[in-house]
């Protein structure tokens, strides 16, 4: 479902993602049931979040804390058991940090909510920076495509491009 253009609505993380899964389910016949289940559960989670926002935030914070604990354990094990390539230790450091943050957050509801809010904030910063880099990359790619089209037109004659009208 993810594409090279990284936007929240296209990578399956936006608010309309469950509806997108329902629409895609029509195109993947063998996995259709999984998309329907995911879509229905996503819509149900959204309705529950509107009806009980306080408890939803609390439960989400608990899930994030436990996710960090489990992901941290898996990352440490993968770093130690996997092949020792360049920068293999980064996975172990990330795993240890995830494990420490998760265990720390599980100790208190306030810390869980603080962790959740900070993770969302950090994610938004990284998302914004990646969007800016994507825009610059797309701009450079567009200039490269125009240059190649101009070179082809010079060699072969008049070749229509996206910027010229027929």
N, C-alpha and C. Protein backbone atom coordinates (compact mmCIF):
# COMPACT_ATOMS: atom_id res chain seq x y z
N UNK A 1 0.81 -1.18 0.00
CA UNK A 1 0.00 0.00 0.00
C UNK A 1 0.86 1.25 0.00
N UNK A 2 2.12 1.13 0.42
CA UNK A 2 3.00 2.27 0.47
C UNK A 2 3.52 2.58 -0.92
N UNK A 3 3.68 3.87 -1.22
CA UNK A 3 4.20 4.27 -2.51
C UNK A 3 5.40 5.16 -2.29
N UNK A 4 6.04 5.56 -3.39
CA UNK A 4 7.23 6.37 -3.25
C UNK A 4 6.90 7.77 -2.75
N UNK A 5 5.71 8.25 -3.01
CA UNK A 5 5.31 9.52 -2.43
C UNK A 5 4.79 9.23 -1.04
N UNK A 6 5.46 9.78 -0.05
CA UNK A 6 5.18 9.40 1.32
C UNK A 6 4.26 10.41 1.97
N UNK A 7 2.98 10.14 1.89
CA UNK A 7 2.02 10.95 2.60
C UNK A 7 1.21 10.04 3.50
N UNK A 8 0.68 10.61 4.57
CA UNK A 8 -0.03 9.79 5.57
C UNK A 8 -1.23 9.10 4.96
N UNK A 9 -1.91 9.73 4.02
CA UNK A 9 -3.10 9.10 3.46
C UNK A 9 -2.74 7.98 2.51
N UNK A 10 -1.52 8.00 1.94
CA UNK A 10 -1.15 6.97 0.98
C UNK A 10 -0.39 5.82 1.60
N UNK A 11 0.26 6.05 2.76
CA UNK A 11 1.03 4.95 3.33
C UNK A 11 0.25 4.16 4.35
N UNK A 12 -1.05 4.38 4.46
CA UNK A 12 -1.88 3.55 5.32
C UNK A 12 -1.95 4.00 6.76
N UNK A 13 -1.48 5.22 7.06
CA UNK A 13 -1.52 5.67 8.44
C UNK A 13 -2.46 6.84 8.65
N UNK A 14 -3.10 7.32 7.63
CA UNK A 14 -3.97 8.48 7.75
C UNK A 14 -5.32 8.11 8.33
N UNK A 15 -6.14 9.11 8.59
CA UNK A 15 -7.44 8.84 9.20
C UNK A 15 -8.39 8.05 8.31
N UNK A 16 -8.17 8.04 7.02
CA UNK A 16 -9.04 7.32 6.10
C UNK A 16 -8.47 5.96 5.70
N UNK A 17 -7.39 5.53 6.37
CA UNK A 17 -6.74 4.26 6.03
C UNK A 17 -7.69 3.06 6.07
N UNK A 18 -8.59 2.94 7.08
CA UNK A 18 -9.49 1.77 7.06
C UNK A 18 -10.37 1.73 5.83
N UNK A 19 -10.82 2.88 5.34
CA UNK A 19 -11.64 2.90 4.15
C UNK A 19 -10.82 2.50 2.93
N UNK A 20 -9.55 2.90 2.91
CA UNK A 20 -8.66 2.51 1.83
C UNK A 20 -8.46 1.01 1.79
N UNK A 21 -8.35 0.40 2.97
CA UNK A 21 -8.18 -1.05 3.03
C UNK A 21 -9.43 -1.76 2.50
N UNK A 22 -10.59 -1.22 2.81
CA UNK A 22 -11.82 -1.82 2.29
C UNK A 22 -11.86 -1.74 0.77
N UNK A 23 -11.37 -0.63 0.22
CA UNK A 23 -11.38 -0.47 -1.23
C UNK A 23 -10.34 -1.39 -1.89
N UNK A 24 -9.17 -1.55 -1.28
CA UNK A 24 -8.13 -2.41 -1.83
C UNK A 24 -8.53 -3.87 -1.76
N UNK A 25 -9.35 -4.22 -0.78
CA UNK A 25 -9.76 -5.61 -0.61
C UNK A 25 -10.42 -6.16 -1.87
N UNK A 26 -11.00 -5.30 -2.67
CA UNK A 26 -11.62 -5.75 -3.90
C UNK A 26 -10.59 -6.18 -4.93
N UNK A 27 -9.33 -5.74 -4.78
CA UNK A 27 -8.29 -6.02 -5.77
C UNK A 27 -7.39 -7.19 -5.40
N UNK A 28 -7.46 -7.66 -4.17
CA UNK A 28 -6.63 -8.76 -3.72
C UNK A 28 -7.54 -9.89 -3.27
N UNK A 29 -7.99 -10.71 -4.18
CA UNK A 29 -9.01 -11.71 -3.85
C UNK A 29 -8.60 -12.70 -2.76
N UNK A 30 -7.37 -13.18 -2.77
CA UNK A 30 -7.00 -14.21 -1.80
C UNK A 30 -6.86 -13.67 -0.38
N UNK A 31 -6.63 -12.39 -0.23
CA UNK A 31 -6.49 -11.80 1.10
C UNK A 31 -7.63 -10.86 1.42
N UNK A 32 -8.70 -10.93 0.69
CA UNK A 32 -9.82 -10.00 0.85
C UNK A 32 -10.35 -9.98 2.28
N UNK A 33 -10.49 -11.15 2.88
CA UNK A 33 -11.03 -11.22 4.23
C UNK A 33 -10.18 -10.43 5.22
N UNK A 34 -8.85 -10.45 5.04
CA UNK A 34 -7.96 -9.75 5.94
C UNK A 34 -8.15 -8.24 5.83
N UNK A 35 -8.35 -7.76 4.63
CA UNK A 35 -8.58 -6.33 4.45
C UNK A 35 -9.92 -5.90 5.04
N UNK A 36 -10.93 -6.75 4.88
CA UNK A 36 -12.24 -6.43 5.48
C UNK A 36 -12.14 -6.37 7.00
N UNK A 37 -11.45 -7.35 7.60
CA UNK A 37 -11.30 -7.37 9.05
C UNK A 37 -10.53 -6.13 9.52
N UNK A 38 -9.42 -5.83 8.83
CA UNK A 38 -8.64 -4.64 9.19
C UNK A 38 -9.44 -3.36 9.04
N UNK A 39 -10.22 -3.27 7.97
CA UNK A 39 -11.04 -2.08 7.76
C UNK A 39 -12.11 -1.92 8.82
N UNK A 40 -12.80 -3.01 9.13
CA UNK A 40 -13.87 -2.95 10.14
C UNK A 40 -13.29 -2.63 11.51
N UNK A 41 -12.16 -3.27 11.87
CA UNK A 41 -11.53 -2.98 13.15
C UNK A 41 -11.05 -1.53 13.23
N UNK A 42 -10.51 -1.01 12.15
CA UNK A 42 -10.06 0.38 12.12
C UNK A 42 -11.22 1.35 12.31
N UNK A 43 -12.33 1.08 11.65
CA UNK A 43 -13.51 1.94 11.80
C UNK A 43 -14.04 1.84 13.23
N UNK A 44 -14.08 0.63 13.79
CA UNK A 44 -14.54 0.45 15.17
C UNK A 44 -13.63 1.19 16.15
N UNK A 45 -12.32 1.13 15.93
CA UNK A 45 -11.39 1.84 16.80
C UNK A 45 -11.60 3.34 16.72
N UNK A 46 -11.87 3.84 15.53
CA UNK A 46 -12.15 5.28 15.38
C UNK A 46 -13.41 5.70 16.11
N UNK A 47 -14.46 4.89 16.01
CA UNK A 47 -15.72 5.20 16.71
C UNK A 47 -15.50 5.17 18.22
N UNK A 48 -14.79 4.16 18.70
CA UNK A 48 -14.50 4.06 20.14
C UNK A 48 -13.69 5.27 20.60
N UNK A 49 -12.74 5.72 19.79
CA UNK A 49 -11.93 6.88 20.16
C UNK A 49 -12.79 8.13 20.29
N UNK A 50 -13.81 8.26 19.46
CA UNK A 50 -14.71 9.41 19.57
C UNK A 50 -15.62 9.29 20.79
N UNK A 51 -16.08 8.08 21.08
CA UNK A 51 -17.03 7.88 22.18
C UNK A 51 -16.33 7.97 23.54
N UNK A 52 -15.15 7.34 23.67
CA UNK A 52 -14.41 7.32 24.94
C UNK A 52 -12.98 7.81 24.72
N UNK A 53 -12.77 9.10 24.50
CA UNK A 53 -11.41 9.58 24.18
C UNK A 53 -10.41 9.39 25.32
N UNK A 54 -10.83 9.56 26.56
CA UNK A 54 -9.90 9.45 27.69
C UNK A 54 -9.34 8.06 27.84
N UNK A 55 -10.23 7.07 27.88
CA UNK A 55 -9.79 5.68 28.04
C UNK A 55 -9.02 5.21 26.81
N UNK A 56 -9.39 5.73 25.63
CA UNK A 56 -8.69 5.36 24.40
C UNK A 56 -7.24 5.84 24.45
N UNK A 57 -7.04 7.05 24.92
CA UNK A 57 -5.68 7.58 25.04
C UNK A 57 -4.87 6.75 26.03
N UNK A 58 -5.48 6.40 27.13
CA UNK A 58 -4.81 5.58 28.14
C UNK A 58 -4.43 4.21 27.58
N UNK A 59 -5.36 3.55 26.90
CA UNK A 59 -5.09 2.23 26.33
C UNK A 59 -4.02 2.33 25.24
N UNK A 60 -4.08 3.36 24.43
CA UNK A 60 -3.08 3.55 23.38
C UNK A 60 -1.70 3.74 24.00
N UNK A 61 -1.62 4.50 25.08
CA UNK A 61 -0.34 4.70 25.75
C UNK A 61 0.21 3.38 26.30
N UNK A 62 -0.67 2.54 26.83
CA UNK A 62 -0.23 1.22 27.33
C UNK A 62 0.28 0.37 26.17
N UNK A 63 -0.45 0.37 25.05
CA UNK A 63 -0.01 -0.41 23.89
C UNK A 63 1.35 0.06 23.39
N UNK A 64 1.56 1.37 23.33
CA UNK A 64 2.84 1.90 22.86
C UNK A 64 3.96 1.47 23.80
N UNK A 65 3.69 1.52 25.09
CA UNK A 65 4.71 1.11 26.07
C UNK A 65 5.07 -0.36 25.90
N UNK A 66 4.08 -1.22 25.79
CA UNK A 66 4.34 -2.64 25.62
C UNK A 66 4.98 -2.92 24.26
N UNK A 67 4.57 -2.17 23.24
CA UNK A 67 5.19 -2.33 21.92
C UNK A 67 6.69 -2.04 22.01
N UNK A 68 7.05 -0.98 22.73
CA UNK A 68 8.47 -0.65 22.86
C UNK A 68 9.23 -1.75 23.59
N UNK A 69 8.64 -2.34 24.61
CA UNK A 69 9.29 -3.42 25.33
C UNK A 69 9.52 -4.61 24.40
N UNK A 70 8.49 -5.04 23.71
CA UNK A 70 8.59 -6.21 22.84
C UNK A 70 9.52 -5.93 21.65
N UNK A 71 9.37 -4.77 21.02
CA UNK A 71 10.23 -4.43 19.88
C UNK A 71 11.67 -4.30 20.32
N UNK A 72 11.90 -3.77 21.50
CA UNK A 72 13.27 -3.66 22.02
C UNK A 72 13.91 -5.02 22.19
N UNK A 73 13.16 -5.96 22.76
CA UNK A 73 13.69 -7.32 22.93
C UNK A 73 14.02 -7.94 21.57
N UNK A 74 13.10 -7.81 20.62
CA UNK A 74 13.35 -8.38 19.29
C UNK A 74 14.55 -7.73 18.61
N UNK A 75 14.69 -6.42 18.74
CA UNK A 75 15.82 -5.74 18.10
C UNK A 75 17.16 -6.15 18.72
N UNK A 76 17.20 -6.30 20.04
CA UNK A 76 18.44 -6.74 20.69
C UNK A 76 18.78 -8.16 20.26
N UNK A 77 17.80 -9.05 20.27
CA UNK A 77 18.05 -10.44 19.87
C UNK A 77 18.49 -10.50 18.41
N UNK A 78 17.82 -9.74 17.55
CA UNK A 78 18.19 -9.74 16.12
C UNK A 78 19.60 -9.20 15.92
N UNK A 79 19.97 -8.18 16.67
CA UNK A 79 21.32 -7.62 16.53
C UNK A 79 22.38 -8.60 17.00
N UNK A 80 22.09 -9.33 18.08
CA UNK A 80 23.08 -10.27 18.62
C UNK A 80 23.12 -11.58 17.83
N UNK A 81 21.97 -12.04 17.35
CA UNK A 81 21.92 -13.33 16.65
C UNK A 81 22.14 -13.21 15.15
N UNK A 82 21.92 -12.03 14.61
CA UNK A 82 22.03 -11.85 13.16
C UNK A 82 23.47 -11.70 12.71
N UNK A 83 23.65 -11.59 11.39
CA UNK A 83 25.00 -11.42 10.86
C UNK A 83 25.58 -10.07 11.29
N UNK A 84 26.87 -10.05 11.55
CA UNK A 84 27.54 -8.83 12.01
C UNK A 84 28.00 -8.01 10.81
N UNK A 85 27.08 -7.25 10.26
CA UNK A 85 27.40 -6.37 9.14
C UNK A 85 27.83 -5.02 9.69
N UNK A 86 28.19 -4.12 8.78
CA UNK A 86 28.51 -2.76 9.21
C UNK A 86 27.31 -2.17 9.95
N UNK A 87 27.57 -1.51 11.01
CA UNK A 87 26.56 -0.82 11.82
C UNK A 87 25.57 -1.77 12.49
N UNK A 88 25.92 -3.03 12.71
CA UNK A 88 25.01 -3.98 13.34
C UNK A 88 24.66 -3.54 14.74
N UNK A 89 25.56 -2.86 15.40
CA UNK A 89 25.36 -2.45 16.78
C UNK A 89 24.28 -1.37 16.92
N UNK A 90 23.96 -0.68 15.83
CA UNK A 90 22.91 0.34 15.90
C UNK A 90 21.57 -0.31 16.25
N UNK A 91 21.29 -1.47 15.67
CA UNK A 91 20.06 -2.19 16.01
C UNK A 91 19.99 -2.56 17.47
N UNK A 92 21.16 -2.92 18.03
CA UNK A 92 21.19 -3.27 19.45
C UNK A 92 20.98 -2.02 20.32
N UNK A 93 21.59 -0.91 19.96
CA UNK A 93 21.40 0.33 20.72
C UNK A 93 19.95 0.77 20.67
N UNK A 94 19.35 0.72 19.49
CA UNK A 94 17.94 1.09 19.35
C UNK A 94 17.07 0.15 20.19
N UNK A 95 17.37 -1.14 20.15
CA UNK A 95 16.61 -2.11 20.93
C UNK A 95 16.70 -1.84 22.42
N UNK A 96 17.90 -1.56 22.90
CA UNK A 96 18.07 -1.26 24.33
C UNK A 96 17.31 0.01 24.70
N UNK A 97 17.40 1.04 23.86
CA UNK A 97 16.65 2.28 24.14
C UNK A 97 15.14 2.02 24.15
N UNK A 98 14.65 1.23 23.20
CA UNK A 98 13.23 0.91 23.19
C UNK A 98 12.84 0.17 24.46
N UNK A 99 13.63 -0.79 24.84
CA UNK A 99 13.34 -1.58 26.04
C UNK A 99 13.34 -0.70 27.28
N UNK A 100 14.33 0.15 27.43
CA UNK A 100 14.40 1.04 28.59
C UNK A 100 13.22 2.00 28.62
N UNK A 101 12.91 2.61 27.48
CA UNK A 101 11.76 3.54 27.42
C UNK A 101 10.45 2.83 27.73
N UNK A 102 10.27 1.64 27.19
CA UNK A 102 9.04 0.90 27.43
C UNK A 102 8.87 0.51 28.88
N UNK A 103 9.93 0.01 29.50
CA UNK A 103 9.86 -0.38 30.91
C UNK A 103 9.64 0.86 31.78
N UNK A 104 10.32 1.95 31.46
CA UNK A 104 10.15 3.20 32.20
C UNK A 104 8.70 3.68 32.12
N UNK A 105 8.12 3.64 30.92
CA UNK A 105 6.76 4.13 30.74
C UNK A 105 5.74 3.24 31.42
N UNK A 106 6.00 1.94 31.50
CA UNK A 106 5.04 1.04 32.13
C UNK A 106 4.89 1.30 33.63
N UNK A 107 5.84 2.01 34.22
CA UNK A 107 5.79 2.28 35.64
C UNK A 107 4.74 3.29 36.05
N UNK A 108 4.23 4.08 35.14
CA UNK A 108 3.30 5.15 35.51
C UNK A 108 2.45 5.57 34.31
N UNK A 109 1.18 5.86 34.59
CA UNK A 109 0.28 6.33 33.53
C UNK A 109 0.74 7.68 32.98
N UNK A 110 1.20 8.54 33.85
CA UNK A 110 1.67 9.86 33.41
C UNK A 110 2.85 9.71 32.46
N UNK A 111 3.77 8.81 32.79
CA UNK A 111 4.92 8.60 31.92
C UNK A 111 4.51 7.98 30.60
N UNK A 112 3.49 7.11 30.61
CA UNK A 112 3.02 6.51 29.37
C UNK A 112 2.47 7.59 28.44
N UNK A 113 1.66 8.48 28.99
CA UNK A 113 1.09 9.56 28.17
C UNK A 113 2.19 10.51 27.69
N UNK A 114 3.14 10.82 28.57
CA UNK A 114 4.26 11.68 28.19
C UNK A 114 5.06 11.05 27.06
N UNK A 115 5.34 9.76 27.18
CA UNK A 115 6.07 9.04 26.14
C UNK A 115 5.30 9.05 24.83
N UNK A 116 4.00 8.78 24.89
CA UNK A 116 3.19 8.76 23.69
C UNK A 116 3.21 10.12 23.00
N UNK A 117 3.02 11.18 23.75
CA UNK A 117 3.02 12.52 23.17
C UNK A 117 4.39 12.87 22.58
N UNK A 118 5.46 12.51 23.27
CA UNK A 118 6.79 12.78 22.75
C UNK A 118 7.09 11.97 21.49
N UNK A 119 6.65 10.71 21.46
CA UNK A 119 6.86 9.90 20.26
C UNK A 119 6.10 10.47 19.07
N UNK A 120 4.88 10.92 19.32
CA UNK A 120 4.11 11.54 18.24
C UNK A 120 4.80 12.81 17.76
N UNK A 121 5.29 13.62 18.70
CA UNK A 121 6.00 14.84 18.32
C UNK A 121 7.26 14.55 17.53
N UNK A 122 8.04 13.58 17.99
CA UNK A 122 9.27 13.20 17.27
C UNK A 122 8.93 12.65 15.90
N UNK A 123 7.88 11.82 15.82
CA UNK A 123 7.47 11.28 14.53
C UNK A 123 7.07 12.40 13.57
N UNK A 124 6.35 13.40 14.07
CA UNK A 124 5.93 14.50 13.20
C UNK A 124 7.13 15.30 12.71
N UNK A 125 8.13 15.50 13.56
CA UNK A 125 9.34 16.21 13.13
C UNK A 125 10.04 15.43 12.03
N UNK A 126 10.26 14.12 12.26
CA UNK A 126 10.90 13.30 11.22
C UNK A 126 10.07 13.25 9.95
N UNK A 127 8.76 13.16 10.10
CA UNK A 127 7.88 13.15 8.92
C UNK A 127 8.02 14.45 8.14
N UNK A 128 8.02 15.57 8.85
CA UNK A 128 8.16 16.87 8.18
C UNK A 128 9.49 17.01 7.47
N UNK A 129 10.58 16.60 8.13
CA UNK A 129 11.90 16.67 7.52
C UNK A 129 11.96 15.76 6.29
N UNK A 130 11.40 14.55 6.40
CA UNK A 130 11.43 13.63 5.25
C UNK A 130 10.59 14.18 4.09
N UNK A 131 9.50 14.86 4.40
CA UNK A 131 8.69 15.47 3.33
C UNK A 131 9.48 16.57 2.62
N UNK A 132 10.24 17.36 3.39
CA UNK A 132 11.04 18.42 2.78
C UNK A 132 12.11 17.81 1.88
N UNK A 133 12.80 16.76 2.37
CA UNK A 133 13.80 16.09 1.55
C UNK A 133 13.16 15.45 0.32
N UNK A 134 11.97 14.88 0.48
CA UNK A 134 11.28 14.29 -0.67
C UNK A 134 10.95 15.35 -1.70
N UNK A 135 10.56 16.53 -1.24
CA UNK A 135 10.24 17.61 -2.17
C UNK A 135 11.48 18.03 -2.96
N UNK A 136 12.62 18.15 -2.26
CA UNK A 136 13.86 18.49 -2.96
C UNK A 136 14.27 17.40 -3.93
N UNK A 137 14.12 16.13 -3.52
CA UNK A 137 14.45 15.02 -4.40
C UNK A 137 13.55 15.00 -5.62
N UNK A 138 12.26 15.25 -5.41
CA UNK A 138 11.32 15.29 -6.53
C UNK A 138 11.65 16.43 -7.47
N UNK A 139 12.05 17.57 -6.91
CA UNK A 139 12.42 18.71 -7.75
C UNK A 139 13.64 18.36 -8.59
N UNK A 140 14.64 17.73 -7.98
CA UNK A 140 15.84 17.34 -8.72
C UNK A 140 15.50 16.29 -9.77
N UNK A 141 14.62 15.35 -9.43
CA UNK A 141 14.21 14.32 -10.38
C UNK A 141 13.49 14.95 -11.57
N UNK A 142 12.61 15.91 -11.31
CA UNK A 142 11.88 16.59 -12.38
C UNK A 142 12.85 17.31 -13.30
N UNK A 143 13.86 17.97 -12.73
CA UNK A 143 14.85 18.66 -13.55
C UNK A 143 15.65 17.66 -14.38
N UNK A 144 15.98 16.50 -13.79
CA UNK A 144 16.71 15.47 -14.54
C UNK A 144 15.87 14.93 -15.69
N UNK A 145 14.58 14.70 -15.45
CA UNK A 145 13.68 14.20 -16.50
C UNK A 145 13.58 15.22 -17.63
N UNK A 146 13.45 16.49 -17.29
CA UNK A 146 13.38 17.53 -18.33
C UNK A 146 14.67 17.59 -19.13
N UNK A 147 15.82 17.45 -18.46
CA UNK A 147 17.10 17.49 -19.15
C UNK A 147 17.23 16.30 -20.10
N UNK A 148 16.85 15.10 -19.65
CA UNK A 148 16.91 13.91 -20.50
C UNK A 148 15.96 14.06 -21.69
N UNK A 149 14.76 14.55 -21.45
CA UNK A 149 13.80 14.75 -22.54
C UNK A 149 14.32 15.76 -23.56
N UNK A 150 14.97 16.80 -23.05
CA UNK A 150 15.55 17.80 -23.95
C UNK A 150 16.67 17.17 -24.77
N UNK A 151 17.51 16.32 -24.15
CA UNK A 151 18.59 15.66 -24.87
C UNK A 151 18.03 14.71 -25.93
N UNK A 152 16.98 13.96 -25.59
CA UNK A 152 16.35 13.05 -26.54
C UNK A 152 15.76 13.83 -27.70
N UNK A 153 15.11 14.93 -27.40
CA UNK A 153 14.50 15.76 -28.44
C UNK A 153 15.57 16.30 -29.38
N UNK A 154 16.73 16.67 -28.82
CA UNK A 154 17.82 17.18 -29.66
C UNK A 154 18.36 16.10 -30.58
N UNK A 155 18.40 14.86 -30.10
CA UNK A 155 18.95 13.75 -30.89
C UNK A 155 17.94 13.25 -31.91
N UNK A 156 16.67 13.04 -31.49
CA UNK A 156 15.68 12.39 -32.35
C UNK A 156 14.74 13.35 -33.03
N UNK A 157 14.73 14.56 -32.68
CA UNK A 157 13.76 15.50 -33.24
C UNK A 157 12.78 15.90 -32.14
N UNK A 158 11.58 16.27 -32.53
CA UNK A 158 10.58 16.75 -31.56
C UNK A 158 9.90 15.59 -30.85
N UNK A 159 10.17 15.44 -29.57
CA UNK A 159 9.53 14.42 -28.72
C UNK A 159 8.68 15.16 -27.71
N UNK A 160 7.36 14.89 -27.66
CA UNK A 160 6.53 15.61 -26.69
C UNK A 160 6.90 15.27 -25.25
N UNK A 161 6.90 16.25 -24.38
CA UNK A 161 7.18 16.06 -22.95
C UNK A 161 5.97 16.51 -22.15
N UNK A 162 6.06 16.33 -20.87
CA UNK A 162 4.95 16.72 -19.99
C UNK A 162 4.75 18.21 -19.97
N UNK A 163 5.79 18.99 -20.34
CA UNK A 163 5.66 20.44 -20.27
C UNK A 163 5.20 21.04 -21.59
N UNK A 164 5.18 20.24 -22.68
CA UNK A 164 4.74 20.77 -23.97
C UNK A 164 3.35 20.26 -24.29
N UNK A 165 2.60 21.02 -24.98
CA UNK A 165 1.24 20.61 -25.39
C UNK A 165 1.30 20.16 -26.84
N UNK A 166 0.54 19.14 -27.20
CA UNK A 166 0.56 18.61 -28.57
C UNK A 166 -0.04 19.59 -29.56
